[in-house]
Amino acid sequence: MKTIVGSRAVATGNIVTPWPKARGMGNSSAPRPGRTGFALAVGSMLGILLLSNLSSAESSPRGKLEDFFARATAILSAATDAKDARDDMRDLARPLFDGHRAARRALGPEWDRRTEAERDEFARTFRGVVVNAYVQIVQARLPRGEPPAIRVIGEVVAEGAAIVRTQVPSRQGGDVQVDYVMGESEETWLVRDVVIDGVSLVDNYRAQIARVLRTSSYADLVARFRTVGGTAMPEPLAAVASPAAAEF
């Protein structure tokens, strides 16, 4: 991962974005009459506003994430089924992630030994696994009942790389810090890693991948990822600290 040195901190105030918990998840009660229609109306209005501001949202890493959070809010506000909500969130998050860059970092030296077709296949599969892990972990930490508010607390940008820091209230109390490591890609910004309370998703998988390659083979590694098919993590998230989280 590229170290950002001498970076420029963008002075910005905190922006609070609500991220409601989808109705139907956990032990929540049935939706009240008329609630679904209201939520759909809110979602439609958000969609119109988001489309009108799409170009400005694409211009900065923070803007790209704020656009994502607002779209996620619209999805979860209108959701009535937990599984559908998770599927919709994965569909929304998938284009946000740079699977190629994340896979290259996770695979390490093995990346250079793979053909272009193998790299493309691994990148697609790895992106699906990381996206699903991100959705599952964040959802598991959100408080039940009252919807949390995502606070964008800062943005650091330097030479085509960025970290956007956010906080969200945890169901255990206090705040969870979620940092998005991003990079420029074809005139937009994509997420290369997500660091949750100092634990990097990509570095976590990198450690797992290295262990599999030491004890087995690349073919076995690919088979494992194909088995999970982007619907589950190979192992629970381990406490693998991210260098990027420590530098800012």
Protein backbone atom coordinates (compact mmCIF):
# COMPACT_ATOMS: atom_id res chain seq x y z
CA MET A 1 0.00 0.00 0.00
CA LYS A 2 1.35 3.40 -0.90
CA THR A 3 2.43 5.44 2.12
CA ILE A 4 1.07 8.95 2.06
CA VAL A 5 3.75 11.32 3.30
CA GLY A 6 3.48 15.06 3.53
CA SER A 7 -0.17 14.84 2.71
CA ARG A 8 -2.63 17.69 2.59
CA ALA A 9 -5.40 17.58 5.15
CA VAL A 10 -8.63 19.02 3.79
CA ALA A 11 -10.27 21.13 6.47
CA THR A 12 -13.90 20.17 6.58
CA GLY A 13 -16.60 20.11 9.18
CA ASN A 14 -18.31 16.96 10.33
CA ILE A 15 -21.18 15.76 8.18
CA VAL A 16 -23.71 13.45 9.75
CA THR A 17 -25.35 10.93 7.45
CA PRO A 18 -28.04 8.66 8.89
CA TRP A 19 -27.70 4.98 7.99
CA PRO A 20 -30.95 3.38 9.15
CA LYS A 21 -31.09 -0.29 10.05
CA ALA A 22 -33.25 -2.18 7.57
CA ARG A 23 -36.65 -3.12 8.91
CA GLY A 24 -37.06 -6.82 9.28
CA MET A 25 -33.52 -7.33 10.61
CA GLY A 26 -33.01 -8.83 14.02
CA ASN A 27 -36.01 -8.72 16.35
CA SER A 28 -37.54 -5.52 15.01
CA SER A 29 -41.30 -5.32 14.90
CA ALA A 30 -43.41 -5.23 11.75
CA PRO A 31 -43.43 -1.90 9.91
CA ARG A 32 -46.22 0.48 10.77
CA PRO A 33 -48.95 1.06 8.16
CA GLY A 34 -47.91 3.69 5.68
CA ARG A 35 -44.25 3.58 6.71
CA THR A 36 -43.09 1.75 3.60
CA GLY A 37 -44.72 4.29 1.31
CA PHE A 38 -43.12 7.15 3.20
CA ALA A 39 -39.70 5.48 3.05
CA LEU A 40 -40.05 4.88 -0.69
CA ALA A 41 -40.96 8.52 -1.20
CA VAL A 42 -37.91 9.61 0.78
CA GLY A 43 -35.76 7.22 -1.24
CA SER A 44 -37.13 8.61 -4.51
CA MET A 45 -36.43 12.19 -3.47
CA LEU A 46 -32.91 11.24 -2.40
CA GLY A 47 -32.37 9.56 -5.76
CA ILE A 48 -33.35 12.72 -7.65
CA LEU A 49 -31.05 14.86 -5.51
CA LEU A 50 -28.20 12.40 -5.87
CA LEU A 51 -28.47 12.25 -9.64
CA SER A 52 -28.34 16.03 -9.87
CA ASN A 53 -25.19 16.13 -7.76
CA LEU A 54 -23.43 13.06 -9.17
CA SER A 55 -20.67 14.97 -10.94
CA SER A 56 -19.69 16.91 -7.81
CA ALA A 57 -19.75 13.72 -5.72
CA GLU A 58 -17.28 12.08 -8.11
CA SER A 59 -14.79 14.94 -7.77
CA SER A 60 -13.35 14.00 -4.38
CA PRO A 61 -12.92 10.86 -2.27
CA ARG A 62 -15.11 12.34 0.46
CA GLY A 63 -17.78 13.27 -2.05
CA LYS A 64 -17.75 9.75 -3.51
CA LEU A 65 -18.32 8.24 -0.05
CA GLU A 66 -21.01 10.74 0.92
CA ASP A 67 -22.85 9.83 -2.26
CA PHE A 68 -22.52 6.13 -1.32
CA PHE A 69 -23.79 6.74 2.23
CA ALA A 70 -26.81 8.68 0.95
CA ARG A 71 -27.70 5.93 -1.52
CA ALA A 72 -27.29 3.33 1.23
CA THR A 73 -29.65 5.36 3.42
CA ALA A 74 -32.27 5.34 0.68
CA ILE A 75 -31.95 1.57 0.25
CA LEU A 76 -32.13 0.75 3.94
CA SER A 77 -34.95 3.22 4.61
CA ALA A 78 -37.13 1.45 2.06
CA ALA A 79 -36.06 -2.11 2.97
CA THR A 80 -38.59 -4.54 4.40
CA ASP A 81 -36.56 -7.75 4.10
CA ALA A 82 -33.15 -8.32 5.71
CA LYS A 83 -31.77 -10.54 2.95
CA ASP A 84 -32.91 -8.20 0.19
CA ALA A 85 -31.34 -5.29 2.06
CA ARG A 86 -27.99 -7.08 2.31
CA ASP A 87 -28.11 -8.04 -1.37
CA ASP A 88 -28.91 -4.46 -2.36
CA MET A 89 -26.10 -3.15 -0.17
CA ARG A 90 -23.62 -5.55 -1.77
CA ASP A 91 -24.77 -4.45 -5.23
CA LEU A 92 -24.34 -0.82 -4.21
CA ALA A 93 -20.93 -1.31 -2.61
CA ARG A 94 -19.38 -3.51 -5.31
CA PRO A 95 -18.67 -0.69 -7.84
CA LEU A 96 -17.17 1.39 -5.02
CA PHE A 97 -14.31 -1.07 -4.45
CA ASP A 98 -11.15 -1.34 -6.54
CA GLY A 99 -10.94 -5.13 -6.69
CA HIS A 100 -7.82 -5.12 -8.85
CA ARG A 101 -5.71 -3.02 -6.46
CA ALA A 102 -7.05 -4.79 -3.36
CA ALA A 103 -6.41 -8.24 -4.86
CA ARG A 104 -2.89 -7.33 -5.92
CA ARG A 105 -2.02 -6.23 -2.40
CA ALA A 106 -3.67 -9.24 -0.79
CA LEU A 107 -2.00 -11.75 -3.11
CA GLY A 108 1.47 -10.24 -2.64
CA PRO A 109 4.37 -11.71 -4.68
CA GLU A 110 2.08 -14.43 -6.04
CA TRP A 111 0.35 -11.75 -8.14
CA ASP A 112 3.41 -11.41 -10.40
CA ARG A 113 3.42 -15.15 -11.06
CA ARG A 114 -0.16 -15.19 -12.34
CA THR A 115 -1.34 -14.67 -15.92
CA GLU A 116 -3.50 -11.69 -16.82
CA ALA A 117 -6.59 -13.91 -16.98
CA GLU A 118 -5.83 -15.38 -13.56
CA ARG A 119 -5.36 -11.91 -12.10
CA ASP A 120 -8.69 -10.71 -13.50
CA GLU A 121 -10.51 -13.74 -12.16
CA PHE A 122 -8.94 -13.44 -8.72
CA ALA A 123 -9.65 -9.70 -8.58
CA ARG A 124 -13.36 -10.26 -9.34
CA THR A 125 -13.67 -13.01 -6.76
CA PHE A 126 -11.69 -11.16 -4.12
CA ARG A 127 -13.73 -7.99 -4.54
CA GLY A 128 -16.92 -9.97 -3.91
CA VAL A 129 -15.52 -11.49 -0.72
CA VAL A 130 -14.26 -8.14 0.61
CA VAL A 131 -17.53 -6.36 -0.18
CA ASN A 132 -19.54 -9.03 1.58
CA ALA A 133 -17.22 -8.93 4.59
CA TYR A 134 -17.54 -5.15 4.76
CA VAL A 135 -21.35 -5.27 4.68
CA GLN A 136 -21.50 -8.04 7.30
CA ILE A 137 -19.03 -6.47 9.71
CA VAL A 138 -20.49 -2.97 9.57
CA GLN A 139 -24.04 -4.29 9.94
CA ALA A 140 -23.00 -6.43 12.93
CA ARG A 141 -21.59 -3.39 14.73
CA LEU A 142 -24.44 -0.99 14.09
CA PRO A 143 -26.72 -0.36 17.08
CA ARG A 144 -30.13 -1.99 17.10
CA GLY A 145 -33.26 0.11 17.29
CA GLU A 146 -32.42 3.74 16.61
CA PRO A 147 -30.57 4.21 13.31
CA PRO A 148 -26.95 5.36 13.70
CA ALA A 149 -25.40 8.39 12.09
CA ILE A 150 -22.24 8.13 10.00
CA ARG A 151 -19.93 11.04 10.73
CA VAL A 152 -17.31 11.96 8.18
CA ILE A 153 -14.58 13.34 10.42
CA GLY A 154 -11.77 14.03 7.98
CA GLU A 155 -10.13 13.57 4.61
CA VAL A 156 -6.43 13.37 3.75
CA VAL A 157 -5.45 13.52 0.07
CA ALA A 158 -2.04 13.33 -1.59
CA GLU A 159 -0.87 12.32 -5.09
CA GLY A 160 -3.86 10.28 -6.16
CA ALA A 161 -4.35 8.52 -2.82
CA ALA A 162 -6.62 9.36 0.09
CA ILE A 163 -7.96 8.27 3.44
CA VAL A 164 -11.46 9.31 4.47
CA ARG A 165 -12.16 8.81 8.16
CA THR A 166 -15.62 8.18 9.51
CA GLN A 167 -17.20 7.27 12.84
CA VAL A 168 -20.43 5.43 13.55
CA PRO A 169 -22.03 4.67 16.93
CA SER A 170 -21.56 1.05 18.02
CA ARG A 171 -24.19 -1.21 19.54
CA GLN A 172 -21.70 -1.82 22.38
CA GLY A 173 -21.50 1.90 23.08
CA GLY A 174 -18.97 4.44 21.93
CA ASP A 175 -17.95 4.89 18.31
CA VAL A 176 -16.52 2.58 15.67
CA GLN A 177 -13.92 4.26 13.47
CA VAL A 178 -14.07 3.21 9.84
CA ASP A 179 -11.33 4.52 7.54
CA TYR A 180 -11.63 4.19 3.76
CA VAL A 181 -8.31 3.94 1.90
CA MET A 182 -8.98 5.22 -1.61
CA GLY A 183 -7.21 5.88 -4.89
CA GLU A 184 -7.92 7.61 -8.18
CA SER A 185 -9.01 5.33 -10.99
CA GLU A 186 -10.22 6.54 -14.39
CA GLU A 187 -11.32 9.99 -13.18
CA THR A 188 -13.10 8.69 -10.10
CA TRP A 189 -12.20 7.49 -6.60
CA LEU A 190 -12.41 3.85 -5.52
CA VAL A 191 -11.92 2.13 -2.17
CA ARG A 192 -8.81 -0.05 -1.94
CA ASP A 193 -9.21 -1.05 1.70
CA VAL A 194 -11.46 -0.52 4.71
CA VAL A 195 -9.87 -0.20 8.15
CA ILE A 196 -12.30 -0.85 11.00
CA ASP A 197 -11.01 0.22 14.42
CA GLY A 198 -7.45 -0.20 13.14
CA VAL A 199 -8.08 -3.59 11.52
CA SER A 200 -7.55 -3.74 7.76
CA LEU A 201 -9.82 -5.99 5.70
CA VAL A 202 -7.25 -6.42 2.94
CA ASP A 203 -4.34 -7.05 5.31
CA ASN A 204 -6.46 -9.58 7.17
CA TYR A 205 -7.01 -11.52 3.95
CA ARG A 206 -3.39 -11.06 2.95
CA ALA A 207 -2.32 -12.90 6.10
CA GLN A 208 -4.81 -15.70 5.41
CA ILE A 209 -3.76 -15.97 1.75
CA ALA A 210 -0.05 -16.15 2.66
CA ARG A 211 -0.80 -18.96 5.09
CA VAL A 212 -2.72 -20.96 2.47
CA LEU A 213 0.06 -20.47 -0.11
CA ARG A 214 2.69 -21.64 2.39
CA THR A 215 0.82 -24.82 3.25
CA SER A 216 -0.99 -25.59 -0.01
CA SER A 217 -1.17 -24.11 -3.51
CA TYR A 218 -2.59 -21.25 -5.53
CA ALA A 219 -5.18 -23.62 -7.01
CA ASP A 220 -6.36 -24.50 -3.51
CA LEU A 221 -6.55 -20.81 -2.61
CA VAL A 222 -8.71 -20.03 -5.63
CA ALA A 223 -10.93 -23.02 -4.87
CA ARG A 224 -11.53 -21.72 -1.36
CA PHE A 225 -12.56 -18.31 -2.61
CA ARG A 226 -14.77 -19.87 -5.26
CA THR A 227 -16.44 -21.94 -2.55
CA VAL A 228 -17.40 -18.93 -0.48
CA GLY A 229 -18.45 -17.20 -3.70
CA GLY A 230 -18.43 -13.77 -2.13
CA THR A 231 -21.12 -14.76 0.39
CA ALA A 232 -18.98 -15.37 3.47
CA MET A 233 -15.53 -14.79 4.88
CA PRO A 234 -13.06 -17.70 4.81
CA GLU A 235 -12.22 -17.00 8.46
CA PRO A 236 -13.32 -14.56 11.17
CA LEU A 237 -11.73 -11.12 10.95
CA ALA A 238 -8.41 -11.20 12.78
CA ALA A 239 -6.72 -8.27 14.45
CA VAL A 240 -4.32 -7.36 11.65
CA ALA A 241 -3.41 -3.72 12.10
CA SER A 242 -3.17 -1.58 9.00
CA PRO A 243 -0.06 0.59 8.47
CA ALA A 244 -2.30 3.22 6.86
CA ALA A 245 -4.37 3.49 10.03
CA ALA A 246 -1.27 4.18 12.09
CA GLU A 247 0.13 6.89 9.81
CA PHE A 248 -2.67 9.41 10.24
